[in-house]
PDB file of N, CA and C in Angstrom:
ATOM      1  N   MET A   1     127.385 106.045  53.862  1.00  0.00           N
ATOM      2  CA  MET A   1     126.778 107.205  53.255  1.00  0.00           C
ATOM      3  C   MET A   1     125.489 106.806  53.700  1.00  0.00           C
ATOM      4  N   ILE A   2     124.490 106.181  53.465  1.00  0.00           N
ATOM      5  CA  ILE A   2     123.306 105.945  53.732  1.00  0.00           C
ATOM      6  C   ILE A   2     123.108 106.243  55.219  1.00  0.00           C
ATOM      7  N   GLU A   3     123.998 105.341  55.794  1.00  0.00           N
ATOM      8  CA  GLU A   3     123.728 105.007  57.518  1.00  0.00           C
ATOM      9  C   GLU A   3     124.146 106.436  57.736  1.00  0.00           C
ATOM     10  N   LYS A   4     125.356 106.976  57.534  1.00  0.00           N
ATOM     11  CA  LYS A   4     125.570 108.567  57.875  1.00  0.00           C
ATOM     12  C   LYS A   4     124.039 109.313  58.199  1.00  0.00           C
ATOM     13  N   TYR A   5     123.380 109.659  56.681  1.00  0.00           N
ATOM     14  CA  TYR A   5     122.545 110.261  56.192  1.00  0.00           C
ATOM     15  C   TYR A   5     121.318 110.107  57.468  1.00  0.00           C
ATOM     16  N   LEU A   6     121.128 108.549  57.950  1.00  0.00           N
ATOM     17  CA  LEU A   6     120.037 107.997  58.832  1.00  0.00           C
ATOM     18  C   LEU A   6     120.130 108.798  59.887  1.00  0.00           C
ATOM     19  N   ILE A   7     121.212 107.961  60.750  1.00  0.00           N
ATOM     20  CA  ILE A   7     122.048 108.584  61.768  1.00  0.00           C
ATOM     21  C   ILE A   7     121.987 110.173  62.258  1.00  0.00           C
ATOM     22  N   GLU A   8     121.948 111.369  61.285  1.00  0.00           N
ATOM     23  CA  GLU A   8     122.065 112.553  60.915  1.00  0.00           C
ATOM     24  C   GLU A   8     120.785 112.991  61.568  1.00  0.00           C
ATOM     25  N   ARG A   9     119.804 112.283  60.271  1.00  0.00           N
ATOM     26  CA  ARG A   9     118.134 112.717  60.544  1.00  0.00           C
ATOM     27  C   ARG A   9     117.763 112.382  61.768  1.00  0.00           C
ATOM     28  N   LYS A  10     118.348 110.975  61.888  1.00  0.00           N
ATOM     29  CA  LYS A  10     117.536 110.424  63.605  1.00  0.00           C
ATOM     30  C   LYS A  10     118.107 111.665  64.321  1.00  0.00           C
ATOM     31  N   ASP A  11     119.231 112.143  64.936  1.00  0.00           N
ATOM     32  CA  ASP A  11     119.251 113.254  65.645  1.00  0.00           C
ATOM     33  C   ASP A  11     118.867 114.382  65.765  1.00  0.00           C
ATOM     34  N   ILE A  12     118.253 114.782  64.240  1.00  0.00           N
ATOM     35  CA  ILE A  12     117.924 115.743  64.000  1.00  0.00           C
ATOM     36  C   ILE A  12     116.323 115.757  64.480  1.00  0.00           C
ATOM     37  N   VAL A  13     115.323 114.674  63.969  1.00  0.00           N
ATOM     38  CA  VAL A  13     114.396 114.646  64.535  1.00  0.00           C
ATOM     39  C   VAL A  13     114.210 114.330  66.015  1.00  0.00           C
ATOM     40  N   SER A  14     115.114 113.591  66.597  1.00  0.00           N
ATOM     41  CA  SER A  14     115.082 113.410  68.239  1.00  0.00           C
ATOM     42  C   SER A  14     114.949 114.679  69.037  1.00  0.00           C
ATOM     43  N   LYS A  15     115.878 115.962  68.434  1.00  0.00           N
ATOM     44  CA  LYS A  15     115.614 117.182  69.018  1.00  0.00           C
ATOM     45  C   LYS A  15     114.530 117.823  68.498  1.00  0.00           C
ATOM     46  N   GLN A  16     113.919 117.194  67.564  1.00  0.00           N
ATOM     47  CA  GLN A  16     113.104 118.552  67.137  1.00  0.00           C
ATOM     48  C   GLN A  16     111.517 118.091  67.992  1.00  0.00           C
ATOM     49  N   ILE A  17     111.458 116.404  68.133  1.00  0.00           N
ATOM     50  CA  ILE A  17     110.498 115.768  68.993  1.00  0.00           C
ATOM     51  C   ILE A  17     111.232 116.513  70.337  1.00  0.00           C
ATOM     52  N   GLU A  18     112.309 116.195  71.019  1.00  0.00           N
ATOM     53  CA  GLU A  18     112.710 117.399  72.311  1.00  0.00           C
ATOM     54  C   GLU A  18     111.974 118.928  72.686  1.00  0.00           C
ATOM     55  N   LYS A  19     112.190 119.337  71.441  1.00  0.00           N
ATOM     56  CA  LYS A  19     112.062 120.969  71.609  1.00  0.00           C
ATOM     57  C   LYS A  19     110.083 121.030  71.069  1.00  0.00           C
ATOM     58  N   LEU A  20     109.754 119.543  70.942  1.00  0.00           N
ATOM     59  CA  LEU A  20     108.094 120.284  70.705  1.00  0.00           C
ATOM     60  C   LEU A  20     107.619 119.583  71.889  1.00  0.00           C
ATOM     61  N   ASN A  21     108.185 118.781  73.132  1.00  0.00           N
ATOM     62  CA  ASN A  21     108.081 118.574  74.320  1.00  0.00           C
ATOM     63  C   ASN A  21     108.180 119.205  75.194  1.00  0.00           C
ATOM     64  N   LEU A  22     109.293 120.344  74.945  1.00  0.00           N
ATOM     65  CA  LEU A  22     109.386 121.220  75.986  1.00  0.00           C
ATOM     66  C   LEU A  22     108.408 122.210  75.705  1.00  0.00           C
ATOM     67  N   LYS A  23     108.041 122.752  74.506  1.00  0.00           N
ATOM     68  CA  LYS A  23     107.331 123.941  74.162  1.00  0.00           C
ATOM     69  C   LYS A  23     105.723 123.120  74.868  1.00  0.00           C
ATOM     70  N   ILE A  24     105.375 121.797  74.689  1.00  0.00           N
ATOM     71  CA  ILE A  24     103.909 121.621  75.127  1.00  0.00           C
ATOM     72  C   ILE A  24     104.155 121.431  76.570  1.00  0.00           C
ATOM     73  N   GLU A  25     105.182 120.905  77.166  1.00  0.00           N
ATOM     74  CA  GLU A  25     105.061 120.861  78.838  1.00  0.00           C
ATOM     75  C   GLU A  25     105.284 122.575  78.997  1.00  0.00           C
ATOM     76  N   HIS A  26     105.856 123.374  78.780  1.00  0.00           N
ATOM     77  CA  HIS A  26     106.077 125.221  78.817  1.00  0.00           C
ATOM     78  C   HIS A  26     104.487 125.504  78.885  1.00  0.00           C
ATOM     79  N   ASN A  27     103.495 124.947  77.952  1.00  0.00           N
ATOM     80  CA  ASN A  27     102.790 125.907  77.512  1.00  0.00           C
ATOM     81  C   ASN A  27     101.448 125.048  78.532  1.00  0.00           C
ATOM     82  N   SER A  28     101.706 124.020  78.820  1.00  0.00           N
ATOM     83  CA  SER A  28     100.903 123.302  79.767  1.00  0.00           C
ATOM     84  C   SER A  28     100.628 124.331  81.074  1.00  0.00           C
ATOM     85  N   ASN A  29     102.174 124.423  81.257  1.00  0.00           N
ATOM     86  CA  ASN A  29     101.927 125.243  83.030  1.00  0.00           C
ATOM     87  C   ASN A  29     101.464 126.209  82.745  1.00  0.00           C
ATOM     88  N   VAL A  30     101.810 127.082  81.617  1.00  0.00           N
ATOM     89  CA  VAL A  30     100.995 128.665  81.489  1.00  0.00           C
ATOM     90  C   VAL A  30      99.563 128.129  81.808  1.00  0.00           C
ATOM     91  N   LEU A  31      98.985 127.474  81.062  1.00  0.00           N
ATOM     92  CA  LEU A  31      97.753 126.964  81.432  1.00  0.00           C
ATOM     93  C   LEU A  31      97.621 127.066  82.422  1.00  0.00           C
ATOM     94  N   GLU A  32      98.009 126.216  83.362  1.00  0.00           N
ATOM     95  CA  GLU A  32      97.816 125.721  84.620  1.00  0.00           C
ATOM     96  C   GLU A  32      97.916 127.151  85.535  1.00  0.00           C
ATOM     97  N   GLU A  33      98.716 127.964  85.381  1.00  0.00           N
ATOM     98  CA  GLU A  33      98.746 129.261  85.733  1.00  0.00           C
ATOM     99  C   GLU A  33      97.842 130.174  85.462  1.00  0.00           C
ATOM    100  N   ASN A  34      97.720 130.242  84.140  1.00  0.00           N
ATOM    101  CA  ASN A  34      96.357 131.112  83.357  1.00  0.00           C
ATOM    102  C   ASN A  34      95.170 130.720  84.164  1.00  0.00           C
ATOM    103  N   THR A  35      94.840 129.582  84.259  1.00  0.00           N
ATOM    104  CA  THR A  35      93.478 129.077  84.917  1.00  0.00           C
ATOM    105  C   THR A  35      93.382 129.147  86.377  1.00  0.00           C
ATOM    106  N   LYS A  36      94.097 129.157  87.399  1.00  0.00           N
ATOM    107  CA  LYS A  36      94.385 129.943  88.574  1.00  0.00           C
ATOM    108  C   LYS A  36      94.312 131.159  88.707  1.00  0.00           C
ATOM    109  N   LYS A  37      94.963 132.009  88.239  1.00  0.00           N
ATOM    110  CA  LYS A  37      95.083 133.515  88.184  1.00  0.00           C
ATOM    111  C   LYS A  37      93.271 134.112  87.419  1.00  0.00           C
ATOM    112  N   ILE A  38      92.660 133.280  86.673  1.00  0.00           N
ATOM    113  CA  ILE A  38      91.449 133.503  86.287  1.00  0.00           C
ATOM    114  C   ILE A  38      90.296 133.470  87.389  1.00  0.00           C
ATOM    115  N   LYS A  39      90.255 132.686  87.757  1.00  0.00           N
ATOM    116  CA  LYS A  39      89.982 131.824  89.271  1.00  0.00           C
ATOM    117  C   LYS A  39      90.106 132.930  90.641  1.00  0.00           C
ATOM    118  N   GLU A  40      91.147 133.394  90.407  1.00  0.00           N
ATOM    119  CA  GLU A  40      91.574 134.223  91.572  1.00  0.00           C
ATOM    120  C   GLU A  40      91.111 135.652  90.962  1.00  0.00           C
ATOM    121  N   LEU A  41      90.701 136.047  89.661  1.00  0.00           N
ATOM    122  CA  LEU A  41      90.309 137.568  89.441  1.00  0.00           C
ATOM    123  C   LEU A  41      89.176 137.442  89.687  1.00  0.00           C
ATOM    124  N   GLU A  42      88.214 135.823  89.009  1.00  0.00           N
ATOM    125  CA  GLU A  42      86.702 136.305  88.903  1.00  0.00           C
ATOM    126  C   GLU A  42      86.454 135.627  90.393  1.00  0.00           C
ATOM    127  N   TYR A  43      86.960 135.683  91.606  1.00  0.00           N
ATOM    128  CA  TYR A  43      86.559 135.335  92.824  1.00  0.00           C
ATOM    129  C   TYR A  43      86.129 137.200  93.355  1.00  0.00           C
ATOM    130  N   ILE A  44      84.875 137.505  93.437  1.00  0.00           N
ATOM    131  CA  ILE A  44      84.407 138.133  94.416  1.00  0.00           C
ATOM    132  C   ILE A  44      84.313 138.501  95.897  1.00  0.00           C
ATOM    133  N   ASP A  45      84.867 139.080  96.247  1.00  0.00           N
ATOM    134  CA  ASP A  45      85.625 139.188  97.497  1.00  0.00           C
ATOM    135  C   ASP A  45      84.092 139.536  98.470  1.00  0.00           C
ATOM    136  N   ASP A  46      83.543 140.796  98.287  1.00  0.00           N
ATOM    137  CA  ASP A  46      82.348 141.625  99.125  1.00  0.00           C
ATOM    138  C   ASP A  46      81.249 141.981  97.915  1.00  0.00           C
ATOM    139  N   GLU A  47      80.307 141.397  97.749  1.00  0.00           N
ATOM    140  CA  GLU A  47      79.689 141.369  97.059  1.00  0.00           C
ATOM    141  C   GLU A  47      78.611 143.357  96.851  1.00  0.00           C
ATOM    142  N   ALA A  48      78.444 143.715  98.645  1.00  0.00           N
ATOM    143  CA  ALA A  48      78.002 145.082  98.881  1.00  0.00           C
ATOM    144  C   ALA A  48      79.039 145.502  98.539  1.00  0.00           C
ATOM    145  N   ALA A  49      80.007 146.028  98.522  1.00  0.00           N
ATOM    146  CA  ALA A  49      81.236 146.636  98.418  1.00  0.00           C
ATOM    147  C   ALA A  49      81.267 146.726  97.225  1.00  0.00           C
ATOM    148  N   ASN A  50      81.207 145.749  95.890  1.00  0.00           N
ATOM    149  CA  ASN A  50      80.828 146.250  94.735  1.00  0.00           C
ATOM    150  C   ASN A  50      80.304 146.584  94.054  1.00  0.00           C
ATOM    151  N   ILE A  51      78.602 146.249  95.119  1.00  0.00           N
ATOM    152  CA  ILE A  51      77.691 147.271  94.568  1.00  0.00           C
ATOM    153  C   ILE A  51      77.835 148.817  94.596  1.00  0.00           C
ATOM    154  N   PHE A  52      78.334 149.106  95.676  1.00  0.00           N
ATOM    155  CA  PHE A  52      78.220 150.231  96.315  1.00  0.00           C
ATOM    156  C   PHE A  52      79.398 151.098  96.212  1.00  0.00           C
ATOM    157  N   SER A  53      80.262 150.502  95.673  1.00  0.00           N
ATOM    158  CA  SER A  53      81.958 151.443  95.199  1.00  0.00           C
ATOM    159  C   SER A  53      82.148 151.429  93.932  1.00  0.00           C
ATOM    160  N   VAL A  54      82.348 152.645  93.450  1.00  0.00           N
ATOM    161  CA  VAL A  54      82.778 152.994  92.358  1.00  0.00           C
ATOM    162  C   VAL A  54      84.342 152.426  92.538  1.00  0.00           C
ATOM    163  N   LYS A  55      85.095 152.391  93.148  1.00  0.00           N
ATOM    164  CA  LYS A  55      86.317 152.273  93.022  1.00  0.00           C
ATOM    165  C   LYS A  55      86.051 150.690  92.762  1.00  0.00           C
ATOM    166  N   VAL A  56      85.858 150.214  93.864  1.00  0.00           N
ATOM    167  CA  VAL A  56      85.464 148.499  93.594  1.00  0.00           C
ATOM    168  C   VAL A  56      84.913 147.966  92.514  1.00  0.00           C
ATOM    169  N   ARG A  57      84.375 148.813  91.789  1.00  0.00           N
ATOM    170  CA  ARG A  57      83.280 148.508  90.620  1.00  0.00           C
ATOM    171  C   ARG A  57      84.619 148.771  89.574  1.00  0.00           C
ATOM    172  N   LYS A  58      85.194 149.741  89.297  1.00  0.00           N
ATOM    173  CA  LYS A  58      86.560 149.692  88.582  1.00  0.00           C
ATOM    174  C   LYS A  58      87.258 148.847  88.362  1.00  0.00           C
ATOM    175  N   GLU A  59      87.870 148.495  89.565  1.00  0.00           N
ATOM    176  CA  GLU A  59      88.700 147.185  90.269  1.00  0.00           C
ATOM    177  C   GLU A  59      88.305 146.202  89.857  1.00  0.00           C
ATOM    178  N   GLU A  60      86.827 145.822  89.671  1.00  0.00           N
ATOM    179  CA  GLU A  60      86.219 144.564  89.220  1.00  0.00           C
ATOM    180  C   GLU A  60      86.258 144.476  87.759  1.00  0.00           C
ATOM    181  N   PHE A  61      86.014 145.585  86.644  1.00  0.00           N
ATOM    182  CA  PHE A  61      86.268 145.785  85.445  1.00  0.00           C
ATOM    183  C   PHE A  61      87.141 145.365  85.115  1.00  0.00           C
ATOM    184  N   TYR A  62      88.266 146.488  85.627  1.00  0.00           N
ATOM    185  CA  TYR A  62      89.929 145.554  84.961  1.00  0.00           C
ATOM    186  C   TYR A  62      90.075 144.039  85.698  1.00  0.00           C
ATOM    187  N   LYS A  63      89.510 143.645  86.684  1.00  0.00           N
ATOM    188  CA  LYS A  63      89.912 141.955  86.768  1.00  0.00           C
ATOM    189  C   LYS A  63      88.581 140.968  85.463  1.00  0.00           C
ATOM    190  N   GLN A  64      88.012 141.964  84.997  1.00  0.00           N
ATOM    191  CA  GLN A  64      87.177 140.864  84.592  1.00  0.00           C
ATOM    192  C   GLN A  64      88.098 141.005  83.241  1.00  0.00           C
ATOM    193  N   LYS A  65      88.325 142.251  82.831  1.00  0.00           N
ATOM    194  CA  LYS A  65      89.397 142.598  81.408  1.00  0.00           C
ATOM    195  C   LYS A  65      90.386 141.255  81.113  1.00  0.00           C
ATOM    196  N   GLU A  66      90.718 141.310  82.495  1.00  0.00           N
ATOM    197  CA  GLU A  66      92.113 140.721  82.587  1.00  0.00           C
ATOM    198  C   GLU A  66      91.833 139.521  82.546  1.00  0.00           C
ATOM    199  N   ALA A  67      90.827 138.684  83.015  1.00  0.00           N
ATOM    200  CA  ALA A  67      90.546 137.608  82.912  1.00  0.00           C
ATOM    201  C   ALA A  67      90.310 137.179  81.368  1.00  0.00           C
ATOM    202  N   SER A  68      89.725 137.919  80.945  1.00  0.00           N
ATOM    203  CA  SER A  68      88.907 137.554  79.801  1.00  0.00           C
ATOM    204  C   SER A  68      90.439 137.333  78.357  1.00  0.00           C
ATOM    205  N   SER A  69      91.588 138.469  78.739  1.00  0.00           N
ATOM    206  CA  SER A  69      92.415 138.495  78.352  1.00  0.00           C
ATOM    207  C   SER A  69      93.031 137.318  78.545  1.00  0.00           C
ATOM    208  N   LEU A  70      93.195 136.304  79.729  1.00  0.00           N
ATOM    209  CA  LEU A  70      94.271 135.416  80.299  1.00  0.00           C
ATOM    210  C   LEU A  70      92.944 133.920  79.467  1.00  0.00           C
ATOM    211  N   LYS A  71      92.183 134.281  78.777  1.00  0.00           N
ATOM    212  CA  LYS A  71      90.746 133.198  78.819  1.00  0.00           C
ATOM    213  C   LYS A  71      91.635 132.934  76.976  1.00  0.00           C
ATOM    214  N   GLU A  72      91.338 134.084  76.441  1.00  0.00           N
ATOM    215  CA  GLU A  72      91.865 134.365  75.129  1.00  0.00           C
ATOM    216  C   GLU A  72      93.433 133.728  74.440  1.00  0.00           C
ATOM    217  N   GLN A  73      94.400 133.923  75.733  1.00  0.00           N
ATOM    218  CA  GLN A  73      95.793 133.353  75.583  1.00  0.00           C
ATOM    219  C   GLN A  73      95.552 131.927  75.832  1.00  0.00           C
ATOM    220  N   SER A  74      94.934 131.134  76.501  1.00  0.00           N
ATOM    221  CA  SER A  74      94.725 130.092  77.104  1.00  0.00           C
ATOM    222  C   SER A  74      94.063 129.440  75.814  1.00  0.00           C
ATOM    223  N   ASN A  75      92.922 129.893  75.268  1.00  0.00           N
ATOM    224  CA  ASN A  75      92.583 129.257  73.980  1.00  0.00           C
ATOM    225  C   ASN A  75      93.475 129.078  73.292  1.00  0.00           C
ATOM    226  N   SER A  76      93.956 130.136  72.747  1.00  0.00           N
ATOM    227  CA  SER A  76      95.152 130.250  71.396  1.00  0.00           C
ATOM    228  C   SER A  76      96.090 128.892  71.986  1.00  0.00           C
ATOM    229  N   ILE A  77      96.713 128.685  73.207  1.00  0.00           N
ATOM    230  CA  ILE A  77      97.584 127.783  73.924  1.00  0.00           C
ATOM    231  C   ILE A  77      97.213 126.477  73.659  1.00  0.00           C
ATOM    232  N   LYS A  78      96.184 126.431  73.780  1.00  0.00           N
ATOM    233  CA  LYS A  78      95.117 124.944  73.564  1.00  0.00           C
ATOM    234  C   LYS A  78      95.731 124.638  72.417  1.00  0.00           C
ATOM    235  N   VAL A  79      94.929 125.313  71.119  1.00  0.00           N
ATOM    236  CA  VAL A  79      95.161 125.484  69.887  1.00  0.00           C
ATOM    237  C   VAL A  79      96.275 124.789  69.790  1.00  0.00           C
ATOM    238  N   GLN A  80      97.659 126.020  70.017  1.00  0.00           N
ATOM    239  CA  GLN A  80      98.723 125.403  69.691  1.00  0.00           C
ATOM    240  C   GLN A  80      99.675 124.184  70.036  1.00  0.00           C
ATOM    241  N   ASN A  81      99.293 123.603  71.566  1.00  0.00           N
ATOM    242  CA  ASN A  81      99.139 122.631  71.860  1.00  0.00           C
ATOM    243  C   ASN A  81      98.946 121.259  70.871  1.00  0.00           C
ATOM    244  N   ALA A  82      97.452 121.461  70.372  1.00  0.00           N
ATOM    245  CA  ALA A  82      96.820 120.932  69.659  1.00  0.00           C
ATOM    246  C   ALA A  82      97.644 120.430  68.493  1.00  0.00           C
ATOM    247  N   LEU A  83      98.315 121.299  67.860  1.00  0.00           N
ATOM    248  CA  LEU A  83      99.221 121.528  66.677  1.00  0.00           C
ATOM    249  C   LEU A  83     100.141 120.919  66.763  1.00  0.00           C
ATOM    250  N   LEU A  84     101.195 121.110  68.486  1.00  0.00           N
ATOM    251  CA  LEU A  84     102.387 120.804  68.459  1.00  0.00           C
ATOM    252  C   LEU A  84     102.512 119.479  68.701  1.00  0.00           C
ATOM    253  N   LYS A  85     100.830 118.372  69.344  1.00  0.00           N
ATOM    254  CA  LYS A  85     101.116 117.602  69.633  1.00  0.00           C
ATOM    255  C   LYS A  85     100.876 116.725  68.158  1.00  0.00           C
ATOM    256  N   ASP A  86     100.265 117.051  67.060  1.00  0.00           N
ATOM    257  CA  ASP A  86     100.144 116.578  65.875  1.00  0.00           C
ATOM    258  C   ASP A  86     101.355 116.931  65.310  1.00  0.00           C
ATOM    259  N   ASN A  87     102.288 117.407  65.257  1.00  0.00           N
ATOM    260  CA  ASN A  87     103.654 117.753  64.431  1.00  0.00           C
ATOM    261  C   ASN A  87     104.334 116.698  65.461  1.00  0.00           C
ATOM    262  N   LEU A  88     104.283 116.565  66.496  1.00  0.00           N
ATOM    263  CA  LEU A  88     104.994 115.643  67.270  1.00  0.00           C
ATOM    264  C   LEU A  88     104.511 114.285  66.981  1.00  0.00           C
ATOM    265  N   LYS A  89     103.585 114.229  66.731  1.00  0.00           N
ATOM    266  CA  LYS A  89     103.365 112.042  66.203  1.00  0.00           C
ATOM    267  C   LYS A  89     103.576 111.969  65.033  1.00  0.00           C
ATOM    268  N   GLU A  90     103.670 113.033  64.071  1.00  0.00           N
ATOM    269  CA  GLU A  90     104.114 112.888  62.815  1.00  0.00           C
ATOM    270  C   GLU A  90     105.699 112.774  63.134  1.00  0.00           C
ATOM    271  N   LEU A  91     106.719 113.552  63.658  1.00  0.00           N
ATOM    272  CA  LEU A  91     107.751 113.046  63.774  1.00  0.00           C
ATOM    273  C   LEU A  91     107.977 111.696  64.476  1.00  0.00           C
ATOM    274  N   LYS A  92     107.198 111.262  65.265  1.00  0.00           N
ATOM    275  CA  LYS A  92     107.419 110.242  65.666  1.00  0.00           C
ATOM    276  C   LYS A  92     107.277 108.737  65.080  1.00  0.00           C
ATOM    277  N   LYS A  93     106.598 109.184  64.311  1.00  0.00           N
ATOM    278  CA  LYS A  93     106.515 108.046  62.796  1.00  0.00           C
ATOM    279  C   LYS A  93     107.551 107.914  62.128  1.00  0.00           C
ATOM    280  N   GLU A  94     107.886 109.681  61.429  1.00  0.00           N
ATOM    281  CA  GLU A  94     109.204 109.631  61.132  1.00  0.00           C
ATOM    282  C   GLU A  94     110.327 109.188  61.761  1.00  0.00           C
ATOM    283  N   LEU A  95     110.153 109.069  62.928  1.00  0.00           N
ATOM    284  CA  LEU A  95     111.478 109.112  63.978  1.00  0.00           C
ATOM    285  C   LEU A  95     111.554 107.049  63.963  1.00  0.00           C
ATOM    286  N   ASN A  96     110.306 106.549  63.782  1.00  0.00           N
ATOM    287  CA  ASN A  96     110.619 104.766  63.668  1.00  0.00           C
ATOM    288  C   ASN A  96     110.986 104.447  62.550  1.00  0.00           C
ATOM    289  N   LYS A  97     110.297 105.354  61.070  1.00  0.00           N
ATOM    290  CA  LYS A  97     110.852 104.621  60.125  1.00  0.00           C
ATOM    291  C   LYS A  97     112.197 104.962  59.360  1.00  0.00           C
ATOM    292  N   ILE A  98     112.672 106.016  59.988  1.00  0.00           N
ATOM    293  CA  ILE A  98     114.325 106.062  60.119  1.00  0.00           C
ATOM    294  C   ILE A  98     115.334 105.054  60.674  1.00  0.00           C
ATOM    295  N   ASN A  99     114.430 104.216  62.427  1.00  0.00           N
ATOM    296  CA  ASN A  99     114.667 103.300  62.866  1.00  0.00           C
ATOM    297  C   ASN A  99     115.099 102.125  62.285  1.00  0.00           C
ATOM    298  N   LYS A 100     113.647 101.870  61.805  1.00  0.00           N
ATOM    299  CA  LYS A 100     113.458 100.292  60.455  1.00  0.00           C
ATOM    300  C   LYS A 100     114.508 100.795  59.496  1.00  0.00           C
ATOM    301  N   ALA A 101     114.396 101.678  59.039  1.00  0.00           N
ATOM    302  CA  ALA A 101     115.658 101.816  57.644  1.00  0.00           C
ATOM    303  C   ALA A 101     116.999 101.912  58.395  1.00  0.00           C
ATOM    304  N   LEU A 102     117.668 102.008  59.600  1.00  0.00           N
ATOM    305  CA  LEU A 102     118.567 101.746  60.092  1.00  0.00           C
ATOM    306  C   LEU A 102     118.842 100.316  59.788  1.00  0.00           C
ATOM    307  N   GLU A 103     118.117  99.807  60.826  1.00  0.00           N
ATOM    308  CA  GLU A 103     118.426  98.193  61.366  1.00  0.00           C
ATOM    309  C   GLU A 103     118.353  97.501  59.733  1.00  0.00           C
ATOM    310  N   GLU A 104     116.970  97.631  58.810  1.00  0.00           N
ATOM    311  CA  GLU A 104     117.186  96.853  57.299  1.00  0.00           C
ATOM    312  C   GLU A 104     118.717  97.257  57.039  1.00  0.00           C
ATOM    313  N   TYR A 105     119.163  98.602  57.136  1.00  0.00           N
ATOM    314  CA  TYR A 105     120.361  98.800  56.386  1.00  0.00           C
ATOM    315  C   TYR A 105     121.431  97.949  56.932  1.00  0.00           C
ATOM    316  N   LYS A 106     121.529  97.651  58.492  1.00  0.00           N
ATOM    317  CA  LYS A 106     122.810  97.240  58.875  1.00  0.00           C
ATOM    318  C   LYS A 106     122.484  95.644  59.199  1.00  0.00           C
ATOM    319  N   LYS A 107     121.212  94.983  58.755  1.00  0.00           N
ATOM    320  CA  LYS A 107     120.780  93.728  57.869  1.00  0.00           C
ATOM    321  C   LYS A 107     121.788  93.392  56.913  1.00  0.00           C
ATOM    322  N   LEU A 108     121.307  94.832  55.931  1.00  0.00           N
ATOM    323  CA  LEU A 108     121.700  94.311  54.402  1.00  0.00           C
ATOM    324  C   LEU A 108     123.407  94.568  54.393  1.00  0.00           C
ATOM    325  N   LYS A 109     124.260  95.201  55.279  1.00  0.00           N
ATOM    326  CA  LYS A 109     125.579  95.783  55.646  1.00  0.00           C
ATOM    327  C   LYS A 109     126.642  94.227  55.813  1.00  0.00           C
ATOM    328  N   LYS A 110     125.826  93.523  56.683  1.00  0.00           N
ATOM    329  CA  LYS A 110     125.983  92.167  57.140  1.00  0.00           C
ATOM    330  C   LYS A 110     126.528  90.915  56.111  1.00  0.00           C
TER     331      LYS A 110
END
């Protein structure tokens, strides 16, 4: 009964760890993409055209707005990743405790 519970709990915690790792990896990829896109958006091709062309100034305004939005998104992803990493650390501690409990139970069972 106890062994069955520990094994089931171990499976649940392992799946949660795997899920968190995938989410952290996904977030890291999104951060990388956002960083590249921000660099592209902030790059100014032709300074003279930017100064004298209304159309170019409008485009630059929207590019800056999009870059700002991406920066905000990146910051929230960084915060989320920090929380996910904290949760991951706690789950790994719990998994270690479960593994130790399983070992002790098997020793007592013999």
